Amino acid sequence: MEAKRVLYGAFLAAVAKARHECGAQVRETDLPAVQRSRVVWDAIEPCISLRFEIGITAPSRVAEAADSTFRRLCELGEAVGSGTPAESDEYGRLRRNYKQAHQSLRNAMKDDLMKDGL
């Protein structure tokens, strides 16, 4: 189903943009935490509706992976917004958690689309 492929692509693009913004903001040490947090959450917000759409469109394996990726992204965003330094162990751990969840999501989406013949 082409609509599913488009939805998956839109969600992946939204989380990639938000993840990129987290990376940019963690290096903005001169920016007040309140502003940094606002920028991060503004970037994460578009992911919310797409995640819900995946929840009602995709098989449970994909929906669960999308939820996990979103949760890891929010954890990363929260740390960035609260001033966690880029070089900290905590930030590194959160980045790895996000990366693992994101890889699982991409695998689940790819498997689902291959099953559908897309």
PDB file of N, CA and C in Angstrom:
ATOM      1  N   MET A   1       0.845  -1.174   0.000  1.00  0.00           N
ATOM      2  CA  MET A   1       0.000   0.000   0.000  1.00  0.00           C
ATOM      3  C   MET A   1       0.898   1.247   0.000  1.00  0.00           C
ATOM      4  N   GLU A   2       0.724   2.055  -1.005  1.00  0.00           N
ATOM      5  CA  GLU A   2       1.543   3.264  -1.180  1.00  0.00           C
ATOM      6  C   GLU A   2       1.358   4.244  -0.014  1.00  0.00           C
ATOM      7  N   ALA A   3       0.153   4.345   0.505  1.00  0.00           N
ATOM      8  CA  ALA A   3      -0.106   5.276   1.607  1.00  0.00           C
ATOM      9  C   ALA A   3       0.733   4.917   2.840  1.00  0.00           C
ATOM     10  N   LYS A   4       0.911   3.642   3.070  1.00  0.00           N
ATOM     11  CA  LYS A   4       1.704   3.195   4.212  1.00  0.00           C
ATOM     12  C   LYS A   4       3.174   3.588   4.005  1.00  0.00           C
ATOM     13  N   ARG A   5       3.686   3.401   2.812  1.00  0.00           N
ATOM     14  CA  ARG A   5       5.064   3.770   2.516  1.00  0.00           C
ATOM     15  C   ARG A   5       5.281   5.268   2.741  1.00  0.00           C
ATOM     16  N   VAL A   6       4.322   6.069   2.304  1.00  0.00           N
ATOM     17  CA  VAL A   6       4.410   7.518   2.479  1.00  0.00           C
ATOM     18  C   VAL A   6       4.363   7.875   3.975  1.00  0.00           C
ATOM     19  N   LEU A   7       3.481   7.242   4.711  1.00  0.00           N
ATOM     20  CA  LEU A   7       3.375   7.488   6.151  1.00  0.00           C
ATOM     21  C   LEU A   7       4.671   7.114   6.868  1.00  0.00           C
ATOM     22  N   TYR A   8       5.208   5.963   6.553  1.00  0.00           N
ATOM     23  CA  TYR A   8       6.452   5.529   7.179  1.00  0.00           C
ATOM     24  C   TYR A   8       7.567   6.531   6.865  1.00  0.00           C
ATOM     25  N   GLY A   9       7.653   6.929   5.619  1.00  0.00           N
ATOM     26  CA  GLY A   9       8.673   7.907   5.228  1.00  0.00           C
ATOM     27  C   GLY A   9       8.505   9.226   5.954  1.00  0.00           C
ATOM     28  N   ALA A  10       7.264   9.673   6.103  1.00  0.00           N
ATOM     29  CA  ALA A  10       7.003  10.940   6.798  1.00  0.00           C
ATOM     30  C   ALA A  10       7.408  10.852   8.267  1.00  0.00           C
ATOM     31  N   PHE A  11       7.118   9.731   8.902  1.00  0.00           N
ATOM     32  CA  PHE A  11       7.489   9.580  10.308  1.00  0.00           C
ATOM     33  C   PHE A  11       9.008   9.526  10.456  1.00  0.00           C
ATOM     34  N   LEU A  12       9.664   8.763   9.592  1.00  0.00           N
ATOM     35  CA  LEU A  12      11.125   8.689   9.656  1.00  0.00           C
ATOM     36  C   LEU A  12      11.752  10.057   9.429  1.00  0.00           C
ATOM     37  N   ALA A  13      11.205  10.816   8.497  1.00  0.00           N
ATOM     38  CA  ALA A  13      11.732  12.161   8.240  1.00  0.00           C
ATOM     39  C   ALA A  13      11.512  13.070   9.449  1.00  0.00           C
ATOM     40  N   ALA A  14      10.348  12.977  10.075  1.00  0.00           N
ATOM     41  CA  ALA A  14      10.045  13.827  11.236  1.00  0.00           C
ATOM     42  C   ALA A  14      10.950  13.501  12.412  1.00  0.00           C
ATOM     43  N   VAL A  15      11.155  12.215  12.692  1.00  0.00           N
ATOM     44  CA  VAL A  15      12.025  11.878  13.821  1.00  0.00           C
ATOM     45  C   VAL A  15      13.482  12.223  13.499  1.00  0.00           C
ATOM     46  N   ALA A  16      13.881  12.094  12.238  1.00  0.00           N
ATOM     47  CA  ALA A  16      15.249  12.473  11.863  1.00  0.00           C
ATOM     48  C   ALA A  16      15.465  13.969  12.057  1.00  0.00           C
ATOM     49  N   LYS A  17      14.497  14.756  11.668  1.00  0.00           N
ATOM     50  CA  LYS A  17      14.606  16.209  11.844  1.00  0.00           C
ATOM     51  C   LYS A  17      14.673  16.564  13.330  1.00  0.00           C
ATOM     52  N   ALA A  18      13.830  15.930  14.129  1.00  0.00           N
ATOM     53  CA  ALA A  18      13.830  16.202  15.569  1.00  0.00           C
ATOM     54  C   ALA A  18      15.140  15.740  16.208  1.00  0.00           C
ATOM     55  N   ARG A  19      15.645  14.597  15.796  1.00  0.00           N
ATOM     56  CA  ARG A  19      16.918  14.095  16.330  1.00  0.00           C
ATOM     57  C   ARG A  19      18.061  15.047  15.946  1.00  0.00           C
ATOM     58  N   HIS A  20      18.015  15.537  14.730  1.00  0.00           N
ATOM     59  CA  HIS A  20      19.026  16.503  14.289  1.00  0.00           C
ATOM     60  C   HIS A  20      18.957  17.773  15.147  1.00  0.00           C
ATOM     61  N   GLU A  21      17.766  18.223  15.444  1.00  0.00           N
ATOM     62  CA  GLU A  21      17.612  19.427  16.275  1.00  0.00           C
ATOM     63  C   GLU A  21      18.138  19.187  17.685  1.00  0.00           C
ATOM     64  N   CYS A  22      17.925  17.988  18.217  1.00  0.00           N
ATOM     65  CA  CYS A  22      18.504  17.664  19.531  1.00  0.00           C
ATOM     66  C   CYS A  22      20.018  17.784  19.481  1.00  0.00           C
ATOM     67  N   GLY A  23      20.610  17.255  18.423  1.00  0.00           N
ATOM     68  CA  GLY A  23      22.059  17.335  18.273  1.00  0.00           C
ATOM     69  C   GLY A  23      22.550  18.766  18.154  1.00  0.00           C
ATOM     70  N   ALA A  24      21.804  19.583  17.435  1.00  0.00           N
ATOM     71  CA  ALA A  24      22.188  20.987  17.289  1.00  0.00           C
ATOM     72  C   ALA A  24      22.045  21.724  18.615  1.00  0.00           C
ATOM     73  N   GLN A  25      20.972  21.464  19.325  1.00  0.00           N
ATOM     74  CA  GLN A  25      20.705  22.197  20.570  1.00  0.00           C
ATOM     75  C   GLN A  25      21.607  21.775  21.721  1.00  0.00           C
ATOM     76  N   VAL A  26      22.051  20.524  21.729  1.00  0.00           N
ATOM     77  CA  VAL A  26      22.945  20.100  22.820  1.00  0.00           C
ATOM     78  C   VAL A  26      24.279  20.844  22.749  1.00  0.00           C
ATOM     79  N   ARG A  27      24.607  21.346  21.577  1.00  0.00           N
ATOM     80  CA  ARG A  27      25.842  22.118  21.410  1.00  0.00           C
ATOM     81  C   ARG A  27      25.634  23.614  21.622  1.00  0.00           C
ATOM     82  N   GLU A  28      24.389  24.054  21.793  1.00  0.00           N
ATOM     83  CA  GLU A  28      24.063  25.473  22.013  1.00  0.00           C
ATOM     84  C   GLU A  28      24.167  25.803  23.494  1.00  0.00           C
ATOM     85  N   THR A  29      25.366  25.787  24.005  1.00  0.00           N
ATOM     86  CA  THR A  29      25.553  25.985  25.442  1.00  0.00           C
ATOM     87  C   THR A  29      25.286  27.417  25.892  1.00  0.00           C
ATOM     88  N   ASP A  30      25.288  28.372  24.968  1.00  0.00           N
ATOM     89  CA  ASP A  30      25.009  29.763  25.336  1.00  0.00           C
ATOM     90  C   ASP A  30      23.513  30.065  25.394  1.00  0.00           C
ATOM     91  N   LEU A  31      22.718  29.197  24.858  1.00  0.00           N
ATOM     92  CA  LEU A  31      21.270  29.400  24.819  1.00  0.00           C
ATOM     93  C   LEU A  31      20.665  29.003  26.167  1.00  0.00           C
ATOM     94  N   PRO A  32      19.793  29.825  26.735  1.00  0.00           N
ATOM     95  CA  PRO A  32      19.129  29.448  27.990  1.00  0.00           C
ATOM     96  C   PRO A  32      18.343  28.143  27.836  1.00  0.00           C
ATOM     97  N   ALA A  33      18.321  27.357  28.893  1.00  0.00           N
ATOM     98  CA  ALA A  33      17.678  26.045  28.868  1.00  0.00           C
ATOM     99  C   ALA A  33      16.222  26.125  28.411  1.00  0.00           C
ATOM    100  N   VAL A  34      15.506  27.149  28.826  1.00  0.00           N
ATOM    101  CA  VAL A  34      14.095  27.290  28.445  1.00  0.00           C
ATOM    102  C   VAL A  34      13.961  27.417  26.926  1.00  0.00           C
ATOM    103  N   GLN A  35      14.821  28.195  26.309  1.00  0.00           N
ATOM    104  CA  GLN A  35      14.772  28.357  24.855  1.00  0.00           C
ATOM    105  C   GLN A  35      15.201  27.071  24.152  1.00  0.00           C
ATOM    106  N   ARG A  36      16.241  26.449  24.653  1.00  0.00           N
ATOM    107  CA  ARG A  36      16.720  25.198  24.060  1.00  0.00           C
ATOM    108  C   ARG A  36      15.628  24.132  24.136  1.00  0.00           C
ATOM    109  N   SER A  37      14.982  24.043  25.264  1.00  0.00           N
ATOM    110  CA  SER A  37      13.901  23.072  25.442  1.00  0.00           C
ATOM    111  C   SER A  37      12.746  23.344  24.481  1.00  0.00           C
ATOM    112  N   ARG A  38      12.373  24.608  24.305  1.00  0.00           N
ATOM    113  CA  ARG A  38      11.279  24.976  23.396  1.00  0.00           C
ATOM    114  C   ARG A  38      11.609  24.569  21.967  1.00  0.00           C
ATOM    115  N   VAL A  39      12.837  24.821  21.539  1.00  0.00           N
ATOM    116  CA  VAL A  39      13.254  24.466  20.177  1.00  0.00           C
ATOM    117  C   VAL A  39      13.162  22.950  19.970  1.00  0.00           C
ATOM    118  N   VAL A  40      13.643  22.203  20.957  1.00  0.00           N
ATOM    119  CA  VAL A  40      13.620  20.743  20.860  1.00  0.00           C
ATOM    120  C   VAL A  40      12.189  20.228  20.803  1.00  0.00           C
ATOM    121  N   TRP A  41      11.327  20.712  21.690  1.00  0.00           N
ATOM    122  CA  TRP A  41       9.955  20.200  21.706  1.00  0.00           C
ATOM    123  C   TRP A  41       9.166  20.646  20.482  1.00  0.00           C
ATOM    124  N   ASP A  42       9.482  21.818  19.945  1.00  0.00           N
ATOM    125  CA  ASP A  42       8.850  22.233  18.689  1.00  0.00           C
ATOM    126  C   ASP A  42       9.225  21.281  17.553  1.00  0.00           C
ATOM    127  N   ALA A  43      10.449  20.767  17.589  1.00  0.00           N
ATOM    128  CA  ALA A  43      10.888  19.820  16.560  1.00  0.00           C
ATOM    129  C   ALA A  43      10.253  18.446  16.753  1.00  0.00           C
ATOM    130  N   ILE A  44      10.019  18.060  17.998  1.00  0.00           N
ATOM    131  CA  ILE A  44       9.439  16.742  18.287  1.00  0.00           C
ATOM    132  C   ILE A  44       7.938  16.714  18.014  1.00  0.00           C
ATOM    133  N   GLU A  45       7.266  17.828  18.204  1.00  0.00           N
ATOM    134  CA  GLU A  45       5.804  17.865  18.104  1.00  0.00           C
ATOM    135  C   GLU A  45       5.229  17.272  16.814  1.00  0.00           C
ATOM    136  N   PRO A  46       5.799  17.527  15.632  1.00  0.00           N
ATOM    137  CA  PRO A  46       5.217  16.936  14.411  1.00  0.00           C
ATOM    138  C   PRO A  46       5.220  15.401  14.394  1.00  0.00           C
ATOM    139  N   CYS A  47       6.049  14.806  15.217  1.00  0.00           N
ATOM    140  CA  CYS A  47       6.114  13.340  15.268  1.00  0.00           C
ATOM    141  C   CYS A  47       4.880  12.732  15.927  1.00  0.00           C
ATOM    142  N   ILE A  48       4.217  13.492  16.764  1.00  0.00           N
ATOM    143  CA  ILE A  48       3.121  12.961  17.575  1.00  0.00           C
ATOM    144  C   ILE A  48       1.971  12.454  16.715  1.00  0.00           C
ATOM    145  N   SER A  49       1.460  13.286  15.825  1.00  0.00           N
ATOM    146  CA  SER A  49       0.308  12.869  15.022  1.00  0.00           C
ATOM    147  C   SER A  49       0.676  11.734  14.076  1.00  0.00           C
ATOM    148  N   LEU A  50       1.890  11.756  13.549  1.00  0.00           N
ATOM    149  CA  LEU A  50       2.323  10.669  12.666  1.00  0.00           C
ATOM    150  C   LEU A  50       2.424   9.353  13.431  1.00  0.00           C
ATOM    151  N   ARG A  51       2.881   9.431  14.668  1.00  0.00           N
ATOM    152  CA  ARG A  51       2.969   8.215  15.499  1.00  0.00           C
ATOM    153  C   ARG A  51       1.583   7.637  15.744  1.00  0.00           C
ATOM    154  N   PHE A  52       0.610   8.485  16.004  1.00  0.00           N
ATOM    155  CA  PHE A  52      -0.758   7.994  16.204  1.00  0.00           C
ATOM    156  C   PHE A  52      -1.320   7.400  14.922  1.00  0.00           C
ATOM    157  N   GLU A  53      -1.014   8.006  13.804  1.00  0.00           N
ATOM    158  CA  GLU A  53      -1.466   7.475  12.518  1.00  0.00           C
ATOM    159  C   GLU A  53      -0.855   6.100  12.256  1.00  0.00           C
ATOM    160  N   ILE A  54       0.413   5.947  12.572  1.00  0.00           N
ATOM    161  CA  ILE A  54       1.050   4.636  12.441  1.00  0.00           C
ATOM    162  C   ILE A  54       0.370   3.631  13.359  1.00  0.00           C
ATOM    163  N   GLY A  55      -0.010   4.070  14.537  1.00  0.00           N
ATOM    164  CA  GLY A  55      -0.670   3.194  15.500  1.00  0.00           C
ATOM    165  C   GLY A  55      -1.965   2.589  15.002  1.00  0.00           C
ATOM    166  N   ILE A  56      -2.662   3.287  14.121  1.00  0.00           N
ATOM    167  CA  ILE A  56      -3.923   2.746  13.598  1.00  0.00           C
ATOM    168  C   ILE A  56      -3.788   2.167  12.190  1.00  0.00           C
ATOM    169  N   THR A  57      -2.631   2.343  11.572  1.00  0.00           N
ATOM    170  CA  THR A  57      -2.428   1.897  10.198  1.00  0.00           C
ATOM    171  C   THR A  57      -1.512   0.688  10.097  1.00  0.00           C
ATOM    172  N   ALA A  58      -0.493   0.676  10.911  1.00  0.00           N
ATOM    173  CA  ALA A  58       0.569  -0.326  10.783  1.00  0.00           C
ATOM    174  C   ALA A  58       0.303  -1.551  11.649  1.00  0.00           C
ATOM    175  N   PRO A  59       0.956  -2.653  11.304  1.00  0.00           N
ATOM    176  CA  PRO A  59       0.875  -3.825  12.180  1.00  0.00           C
ATOM    177  C   PRO A  59       1.517  -3.513  13.534  1.00  0.00           C
ATOM    178  N   SER A  60       1.192  -4.301  14.525  1.00  0.00           N
ATOM    179  CA  SER A  60       1.636  -4.002  15.897  1.00  0.00           C
ATOM    180  C   SER A  60       3.151  -3.919  16.015  1.00  0.00           C
ATOM    181  N   ARG A  61       3.899  -4.735  15.288  1.00  0.00           N
ATOM    182  CA  ARG A  61       5.366  -4.683  15.377  1.00  0.00           C
ATOM    183  C   ARG A  61       5.889  -3.299  14.978  1.00  0.00           C
ATOM    184  N   VAL A  62       5.331  -2.729  13.939  1.00  0.00           N
ATOM    185  CA  VAL A  62       5.753  -1.404  13.480  1.00  0.00           C
ATOM    186  C   VAL A  62       5.269  -0.335  14.459  1.00  0.00           C
ATOM    187  N   ALA A  63       4.027  -0.445  14.890  1.00  0.00           N
ATOM    188  CA  ALA A  63       3.481   0.544  15.826  1.00  0.00           C
ATOM    189  C   ALA A  63       4.268   0.560  17.132  1.00  0.00           C
ATOM    190  N   GLU A  64       4.616  -0.606  17.641  1.00  0.00           N
ATOM    191  CA  GLU A  64       5.394  -0.683  18.883  1.00  0.00           C
ATOM    192  C   GLU A  64       6.794  -0.105  18.683  1.00  0.00           C
ATOM    193  N   ALA A  65       7.399  -0.373  17.540  1.00  0.00           N
ATOM    194  CA  ALA A  65       8.730   0.181  17.253  1.00  0.00           C
ATOM    195  C   ALA A  65       8.661   1.701  17.099  1.00  0.00           C
ATOM    196  N   ALA A  66       7.592   2.203  16.505  1.00  0.00           N
ATOM    197  CA  ALA A  66       7.420   3.655  16.373  1.00  0.00           C
ATOM    198  C   ALA A  66       7.242   4.292  17.749  1.00  0.00           C
ATOM    199  N   ASP A  67       6.468   3.656  18.608  1.00  0.00           N
ATOM    200  CA  ASP A  67       6.291   4.167  19.973  1.00  0.00           C
ATOM    201  C   ASP A  67       7.622   4.175  20.720  1.00  0.00           C
ATOM    202  N   SER A  68       8.389   3.110  20.594  1.00  0.00           N
ATOM    203  CA  SER A  68       9.676   3.031  21.271  1.00  0.00           C
ATOM    204  C   SER A  68      10.625   4.116  20.764  1.00  0.00           C
ATOM    205  N   THR A  69      10.666   4.306  19.459  1.00  0.00           N
ATOM    206  CA  THR A  69      11.522   5.341  18.879  1.00  0.00           C
ATOM    207  C   THR A  69      11.100   6.714  19.379  1.00  0.00           C
ATOM    208  N   PHE A  70       9.806   6.963  19.398  1.00  0.00           N
ATOM    209  CA  PHE A  70       9.304   8.249  19.873  1.00  0.00           C
ATOM    210  C   PHE A  70       9.661   8.467  21.342  1.00  0.00           C
ATOM    211  N   ARG A  71       9.503   7.444  22.167  1.00  0.00           N
ATOM    212  CA  ARG A  71       9.840   7.572  23.594  1.00  0.00           C
ATOM    213  C   ARG A  71      11.324   7.855  23.780  1.00  0.00           C
ATOM    214  N   ARG A  72      12.174   7.152  23.031  1.00  0.00           N
ATOM    215  CA  ARG A  72      13.622   7.396  23.133  1.00  0.00           C
ATOM    216  C   ARG A  72      13.966   8.809  22.667  1.00  0.00           C
ATOM    217  N   LEU A  73      13.283   9.284  21.621  1.00  0.00           N
ATOM    218  CA  LEU A  73      13.485  10.646  21.138  1.00  0.00           C
ATOM    219  C   LEU A  73      13.081  11.657  22.213  1.00  0.00           C
ATOM    220  N   CYS A  74      11.967  11.432  22.863  1.00  0.00           N
ATOM    221  CA  CYS A  74      11.514  12.339  23.926  1.00  0.00           C
ATOM    222  C   CYS A  74      12.482  12.342  25.096  1.00  0.00           C
ATOM    223  N   GLU A  75      13.020  11.177  25.459  1.00  0.00           N
ATOM    224  CA  GLU A  75      14.011  11.111  26.532  1.00  0.00           C
ATOM    225  C   GLU A  75      15.252  11.926  26.158  1.00  0.00           C
ATOM    226  N   LEU A  76      15.679  11.796  24.919  1.00  0.00           N
ATOM    227  CA  LEU A  76      16.824  12.558  24.441  1.00  0.00           C
ATOM    228  C   LEU A  76      16.518  14.051  24.467  1.00  0.00           C
ATOM    229  N   GLY A  77      15.335  14.422  23.983  1.00  0.00           N
ATOM    230  CA  GLY A  77      14.929  15.825  23.976  1.00  0.00           C
ATOM    231  C   GLY A  77      14.845  16.410  25.371  1.00  0.00           C
ATOM    232  N   GLU A  78      14.342  15.637  26.297  1.00  0.00           N
ATOM    233  CA  GLU A  78      14.243  16.105  27.674  1.00  0.00           C
ATOM    234  C   GLU A  78      15.631  16.362  28.259  1.00  0.00           C
ATOM    235  N   ALA A  79      16.564  15.465  27.982  1.00  0.00           N
ATOM    236  CA  ALA A  79      17.929  15.644  28.487  1.00  0.00           C
ATOM    237  C   ALA A  79      18.577  16.884  27.875  1.00  0.00           C
ATOM    238  N   VAL A  80      18.403  17.056  26.569  1.00  0.00           N
ATOM    239  CA  VAL A  80      18.968  18.227  25.897  1.00  0.00           C
ATOM    240  C   VAL A  80      18.361  19.501  26.473  1.00  0.00           C
ATOM    241  N   GLY A  81      17.042  19.506  26.617  1.00  0.00           N
ATOM    242  CA  GLY A  81      16.357  20.680  27.145  1.00  0.00           C
ATOM    243  C   GLY A  81      16.751  21.020  28.564  1.00  0.00           C
ATOM    244  N   SER A  82      17.135  20.018  29.333  1.00  0.00           N
ATOM    245  CA  SER A  82      17.507  20.274  30.725  1.00  0.00           C
ATOM    246  C   SER A  82      18.990  20.607  30.873  1.00  0.00           C
ATOM    247  N   GLY A  83      19.720  20.606  29.765  1.00  0.00           N
ATOM    248  CA  GLY A  83      21.111  21.033  29.815  1.00  0.00           C
ATOM    249  C   GLY A  83      22.137  19.929  29.920  1.00  0.00           C
ATOM    250  N   THR A  84      21.751  18.690  29.658  1.00  0.00           N
ATOM    251  CA  THR A  84      22.727  17.597  29.682  1.00  0.00           C
ATOM    252  C   THR A  84      23.826  17.881  28.653  1.00  0.00           C
ATOM    253  N   PRO A  85      25.080  17.847  29.054  1.00  0.00           N
ATOM    254  CA  PRO A  85      26.170  18.153  28.121  1.00  0.00           C
ATOM    255  C   PRO A  85      26.344  17.070  27.051  1.00  0.00           C
ATOM    256  N   ALA A  86      26.754  17.488  25.877  1.00  0.00           N
ATOM    257  CA  ALA A  86      26.953  16.571  24.752  1.00  0.00           C
ATOM    258  C   ALA A  86      27.989  15.506  25.060  1.00  0.00           C
ATOM    259  N   GLU A  87      28.973  15.842  25.843  1.00  0.00           N
ATOM    260  CA  GLU A  87      30.051  14.897  26.121  1.00  0.00           C
ATOM    261  C   GLU A  87      29.773  14.003  27.329  1.00  0.00           C
ATOM    262  N   SER A  88      28.596  14.115  27.918  1.00  0.00           N
ATOM    263  CA  SER A  88      28.277  13.322  29.108  1.00  0.00           C
ATOM    264  C   SER A  88      27.941  11.874  28.752  1.00  0.00           C
ATOM    265  N   ASP A  89      28.159  11.001  29.725  1.00  0.00           N
ATOM    266  CA  ASP A  89      27.792   9.596  29.563  1.00  0.00           C
ATOM    267  C   ASP A  89      26.289   9.451  29.356  1.00  0.00           C
ATOM    268  N   GLU A  90      25.528  10.271  30.063  1.00  0.00           N
ATOM    269  CA  GLU A  90      24.063  10.216  29.957  1.00  0.00           C
ATOM    270  C   GLU A  90      23.602  10.514  28.534  1.00  0.00           C
ATOM    271  N   TYR A  91      24.137  11.568  27.941  1.00  0.00           N
ATOM    272  CA  TYR A  91      23.766  11.916  26.573  1.00  0.00           C
ATOM    273  C   TYR A  91      24.171  10.800  25.611  1.00  0.00           C
ATOM    274  N   GLY A  92      25.364  10.252  25.791  1.00  0.00           N
ATOM    275  CA  GLY A  92      25.808   9.142  24.946  1.00  0.00           C
ATOM    276  C   GLY A  92      24.886   7.941  25.064  1.00  0.00           C
ATOM    277  N   ARG A  93      24.484   7.615  26.285  1.00  0.00           N
ATOM    278  CA  ARG A  93      23.568   6.481  26.505  1.00  0.00           C
ATOM    279  C   ARG A  93      22.232   6.724  25.825  1.00  0.00           C
ATOM    280  N   LEU A  94      21.697   7.938  25.963  1.00  0.00           N
ATOM    281  CA  LEU A  94      20.410   8.265  25.351  1.00  0.00           C
ATOM    282  C   LEU A  94      20.489   8.241  23.829  1.00  0.00           C
ATOM    283  N   ARG A  95      21.595   8.688  23.277  1.00  0.00           N
ATOM    284  CA  ARG A  95      21.791   8.633  21.821  1.00  0.00           C
ATOM    285  C   ARG A  95      21.823   7.190  21.338  1.00  0.00           C
ATOM    286  N   ARG A  96      22.537   6.331  22.069  1.00  0.00           N
ATOM    287  CA  ARG A  96      22.601   4.906  21.684  1.00  0.00           C
ATOM    288  C   ARG A  96      21.222   4.258  21.780  1.00  0.00           C
ATOM    289  N   ASN A  97      20.478   4.564  22.837  1.00  0.00           N
ATOM    290  CA  ASN A  97      19.132   4.010  22.987  1.00  0.00           C
ATOM    291  C   ASN A  97      18.238   4.424  21.822  1.00  0.00           C
ATOM    292  N   TYR A  98      18.329   5.700  21.449  1.00  0.00           N
ATOM    293  CA  TYR A  98      17.543   6.184  20.320  1.00  0.00           C
ATOM    294  C   TYR A  98      17.965   5.469  19.032  1.00  0.00           C
ATOM    295  N   LYS A  99      19.259   5.377  18.813  1.00  0.00           N
ATOM    296  CA  LYS A  99      19.769   4.757  17.587  1.00  0.00           C
ATOM    297  C   LYS A  99      19.300   3.305  17.468  1.00  0.00           C
ATOM    298  N   GLN A 100      19.325   2.563  18.568  1.00  0.00           N
ATOM    299  CA  GLN A 100      18.869   1.171  18.559  1.00  0.00           C
ATOM    300  C   GLN A 100      17.373   1.086  18.254  1.00  0.00           C
ATOM    301  N   ALA A 101      16.588   1.938  18.897  1.00  0.00           N
ATOM    302  CA  ALA A 101      15.143   1.939  18.657  1.00  0.00           C
ATOM    303  C   ALA A 101      14.839   2.322  17.217  1.00  0.00           C
ATOM    304  N   HIS A 102      15.560   3.302  16.708  1.00  0.00           N
ATOM    305  CA  HIS A 102      15.344   3.763  15.336  1.00  0.00           C
ATOM    306  C   HIS A 102      15.694   2.670  14.332  1.00  0.00           C
ATOM    307  N   GLN A 103      16.776   1.936  14.577  1.00  0.00           N
ATOM    308  CA  GLN A 103      17.146   0.827  13.683  1.00  0.00           C
ATOM    309  C   GLN A 103      16.075  -0.254  13.705  1.00  0.00           C
ATOM    310  N   SER A 104      15.556  -0.577  14.871  1.00  0.00           N
ATOM    311  CA  SER A 104      14.475  -1.568  14.972  1.00  0.00           C
ATOM    312  C   SER A 104      13.242  -1.105  14.216  1.00  0.00           C
ATOM    313  N   LEU A 105      12.948   0.178  14.309  1.00  0.00           N
ATOM    314  CA  LEU A 105      11.802   0.738  13.588  1.00  0.00           C
ATOM    315  C   LEU A 105      11.997   0.607  12.082  1.00  0.00           C
ATOM    316  N   ARG A 106      13.161   0.993  11.598  1.00  0.00           N
ATOM    317  CA  ARG A 106      13.415   0.899  10.156  1.00  0.00           C
ATOM    318  C   ARG A 106      13.322  -0.543   9.675  1.00  0.00           C
ATOM    319  N   ASN A 107      13.845  -1.471  10.462  1.00  0.00           N
ATOM    320  CA  ASN A 107      13.755  -2.882  10.093  1.00  0.00           C
ATOM    321  C   ASN A 107      12.309  -3.355  10.040  1.00  0.00           C
ATOM    322  N   ALA A 108      11.526  -2.976  11.037  1.00  0.00           N
ATOM    323  CA  ALA A 108      10.119  -3.384  11.079  1.00  0.00           C
ATOM    324  C   ALA A 108       9.344  -2.790   9.901  1.00  0.00           C
ATOM    325  N   MET A 109       9.601  -1.531   9.598  1.00  0.00           N
ATOM    326  CA  MET A 109       8.930  -0.892   8.468  1.00  0.00           C
ATOM    327  C   MET A 109       9.322  -1.554   7.154  1.00  0.00           C
ATOM    328  N   LYS A 110      10.596  -1.806   6.986  1.00  0.00           N
ATOM    329  CA  LYS A 110      11.075  -2.442   5.755  1.00  0.00           C
ATOM    330  C   LYS A 110      10.450  -3.827   5.593  1.00  0.00           C
ATOM    331  N   ASP A 111      10.435  -4.620   6.663  1.00  0.00           N
ATOM    332  CA  ASP A 111       9.818  -5.953   6.602  1.00  0.00           C
ATOM    333  C   ASP A 111       8.347  -5.863   6.229  1.00  0.00           C
ATOM    334  N   ASP A 112       7.641  -4.907   6.819  1.00  0.00           N
ATOM    335  CA  ASP A 112       6.220  -4.746   6.528  1.00  0.00           C
ATOM    336  C   ASP A 112       5.990  -4.347   5.069  1.00  0.00           C
ATOM    337  N   LEU A 113       6.784  -3.423   4.574  1.00  0.00           N
ATOM    338  CA  LEU A 113       6.617  -2.986   3.192  1.00  0.00           C
ATOM    339  C   LEU A 113       6.998  -4.088   2.204  1.00  0.00           C
ATOM    340  N   MET A 114       7.998  -4.877   2.539  1.00  0.00           N
ATOM    341  CA  MET A 114       8.371  -6.009   1.678  1.00  0.00           C
ATOM    342  C   MET A 114       7.260  -7.042   1.647  1.00  0.00           C
ATOM    343  N   LYS A 115       6.621  -7.247   2.775  1.00  0.00           N
ATOM    344  CA  LYS A 115       5.504  -8.183   2.872  1.00  0.00           C
ATOM    345  C   LYS A 115       4.365  -7.735   1.954  1.00  0.00           C
ATOM    346  N   ASP A 116       4.184  -6.419   1.895  1.00  0.00           N
ATOM    347  CA  ASP A 116       3.126  -5.846   1.050  1.00  0.00           C
ATOM    348  C   ASP A 116       3.541  -5.757  -0.415  1.00  0.00           C
ATOM    349  N   GLY A 117       4.821  -6.071  -0.689  1.00  0.00           N
ATOM    350  CA  GLY A 117       5.301  -6.003  -2.070  1.00  0.00           C
ATOM    351  C   GLY A 117       5.665  -4.609  -2.531  1.00  0.00           C
ATOM    352  N   LEU A 118       5.940  -3.708  -1.592  1.00  0.00           N
ATOM    353  CA  LEU A 118       6.322  -2.333  -1.967  1.00  0.00           C
ATOM    354  C   LEU A 118       7.813  -2.163  -1.961  1.00  0.00           C
TER     355      LEU A 118
END
